[in-house]
Protein backbone atom coordinates (compact mmCIF):
# COMPACT_ATOMS: atom_id res chain seq x y z
CA MET A 1 -75.83 249.06 72.47
CA PHE A 2 -78.19 246.09 72.20
CA VAL A 3 -80.00 244.00 69.67
CA SER A 4 -83.26 245.90 69.68
CA ASN A 5 -85.60 243.13 68.62
CA THR A 6 -84.35 240.41 70.95
CA CYS A 7 -83.86 242.16 74.33
CA LYS A 8 -80.57 240.40 75.03
CA PRO A 9 -78.23 241.57 77.82
CA THR A 10 -75.57 244.05 76.76
CA HIS A 11 -72.50 245.80 77.99
CA TYR A 12 -74.78 248.63 79.15
CA GLY A 13 -76.58 246.60 81.77
CA ALA A 14 -78.50 243.46 82.50
CA TYR A 15 -81.77 242.68 80.81
CA LYS A 16 -84.49 243.32 83.37
CA SER A 17 -87.95 242.60 81.98
CA THR A 18 -90.21 242.59 78.96
CA THR A 19 -93.79 243.84 78.90
CA LYS A 20 -96.00 243.08 75.90
CA GLY A 21 -99.18 244.76 74.80
CA LYS A 22 -101.26 244.11 71.71
CA THR A 23 -99.14 246.47 69.61
CA PHE A 24 -95.91 247.03 71.54
CA VAL A 25 -93.03 245.38 73.39
CA CYS A 26 -91.19 247.19 76.18
CA CYS A 27 -87.72 245.88 77.11
CA GLU A 28 -86.21 247.34 80.27
CA PHE A 29 -82.51 247.16 81.09
CA SER A 30 -81.12 247.84 84.56
CA ASN A 31 -77.72 249.39 84.95
CA SER A 32 -75.10 248.45 87.48
CA GLN A 33 -74.59 251.86 89.05
CA ASP A 34 -76.97 253.67 91.39
CA GLY A 35 -78.06 256.97 89.90
CA ALA A 36 -76.82 256.09 86.41
CA PRO A 37 -79.33 256.62 83.59
CA GLY A 38 -81.60 253.71 82.77
CA LEU A 39 -82.31 252.39 79.29
CA THR A 40 -85.64 251.17 77.94
CA ASN A 41 -86.29 249.99 74.39
CA LEU A 42 -89.76 250.15 72.84
CA GLN A 43 -90.90 248.31 69.73
CA ILE A 44 -94.20 249.63 68.42
CA LYS A 45 -96.38 248.12 65.72
CA GLY A 46 -99.51 250.17 66.21
CA ARG A 47 -99.81 252.25 69.34
CA MET A 48 -98.22 252.41 72.78
CA PRO A 49 -100.06 252.17 75.06
CA ASP A 50 -102.59 250.06 73.20
CA ASN A 51 -105.25 252.67 74.08
CA ASN A 52 -105.23 256.05 75.79
CA PHE A 53 -102.07 257.84 76.96
CA ILE A 54 -99.12 257.48 79.35
CA TYR A 55 -98.44 259.83 82.25
CA ASN A 56 -95.03 259.79 83.90
CA ALA A 57 -94.62 262.33 86.69
CA LYS A 58 -91.11 261.39 87.70
CA THR A 59 -88.67 260.84 84.85
CA PRO A 60 -87.38 263.35 82.34
CA TYR A 61 -85.91 261.41 79.45
CA LEU A 62 -84.41 261.51 76.03
CA CYS A 63 -86.24 259.47 73.42
CA ILE A 64 -84.13 258.36 70.44
CA VAL A 65 -85.89 257.03 67.34
CA THR A 66 -83.68 254.09 66.33
CA LYS A 67 -85.84 252.64 63.55
CA GLY A 68 -88.84 253.54 61.45
CA SER A 69 -91.19 256.47 61.72
CA GLY A 70 -94.46 257.35 63.38
CA ASP A 71 -95.95 259.98 65.65
CA ILE A 72 -95.71 261.13 69.22
CA LEU A 73 -99.04 262.33 70.56
CA TYR A 74 -99.10 264.91 73.36
CA PHE A 75 -102.22 265.74 75.36
CA TYR A 76 -102.29 269.22 76.87
CA ASP A 77 -104.75 272.11 77.17
CA ASN A 78 -107.55 269.57 76.59
CA LYS A 79 -106.37 268.72 73.07
CA VAL A 80 -104.12 266.19 71.34
CA GLU A 81 -101.16 267.40 69.28
CA SER A 82 -99.44 264.95 66.93
CA TYR A 83 -95.81 265.31 65.79
CA HIS A 84 -94.15 263.15 63.17
CA ILE A 85 -90.96 261.36 64.31
CA GLU A 86 -88.50 259.27 62.31
CA GLN A 87 -85.22 257.42 62.61
CA GLY A 88 -82.48 259.74 63.84
CA ASN A 89 -84.81 262.10 65.73
CA ASN A 90 -84.14 262.83 69.40
CA ILE A 91 -87.04 264.00 71.55
CA TYR A 92 -86.87 265.38 75.08
CA ILE A 93 -89.93 264.48 77.13
CA PRO A 94 -90.10 266.28 80.48
CA PRO A 95 -91.82 264.97 83.62
CA ASN A 96 -95.56 265.55 83.96
CA THR A 97 -96.16 264.90 80.27
CA VAL A 98 -99.16 262.99 78.91
CA TYR A 99 -98.22 261.25 75.66
CA ALA A 100 -98.49 258.18 73.40
CA PHE A 101 -96.54 256.77 70.46
CA LYS A 102 -97.87 255.28 67.25
CA GLY A 103 -96.17 253.74 64.25
CA GLU A 104 -96.16 250.53 62.25
CA ASP A 105 -92.50 249.58 62.64
CA LEU A 106 -91.17 252.08 65.18
CA GLU A 107 -88.34 251.45 67.62
CA LEU A 108 -87.35 253.87 70.35
CA SER A 109 -84.70 253.96 73.06
CA LEU A 110 -85.50 255.96 76.18
CA VAL A 111 -82.73 257.13 78.49
CA GLY A 112 -83.59 258.71 81.82
CA THR A 113 -82.82 259.06 85.50
CA PRO A 114 -84.55 257.56 87.33
CA GLN A 115 -85.14 254.85 84.77
CA TRP A 116 -88.37 255.03 82.78
CA THR A 117 -90.46 251.88 83.13
CA LEU A 118 -94.05 250.94 82.48
CA ALA A 119 -94.30 250.17 86.20
CA THR A 120 -93.47 253.79 87.15
CA SER A 121 -95.88 255.21 84.60
CA ARG A 122 -99.62 255.06 84.46
CA VAL A 123 -102.10 254.88 81.65
CA VAL A 124 -104.63 257.69 81.62
CA GLU A 125 -107.92 257.78 79.76
CA ILE A 126 -108.63 260.83 77.65
CA ASP A 127 -112.20 261.33 76.46
């Protein structure tokens, strides 16, 4: 599909943008067909987002763990639930989910329609 640590263009689509935080890199790829699933690659060495959680109301997506291991953190019913994830796991994350990822050398590919991006998500603070 693509070289995950360099964010180079691929046969899937054109490289779109890279967003860097303290502990993560987000590489977004656009596809050439309207309505086709989008692809986003995340490289996490700590936590993503750097603090707090992500809320994405719009995009259901499949998250594929392509390298390493870590945790996905879900916030619901006023509590945080942590689930271990590792290379080869596939995770479905529905819309209206509040979540975060953490791991020391974790790479994920997210496939969704419409395409998941940091720009279409928002960071939420959880006390």
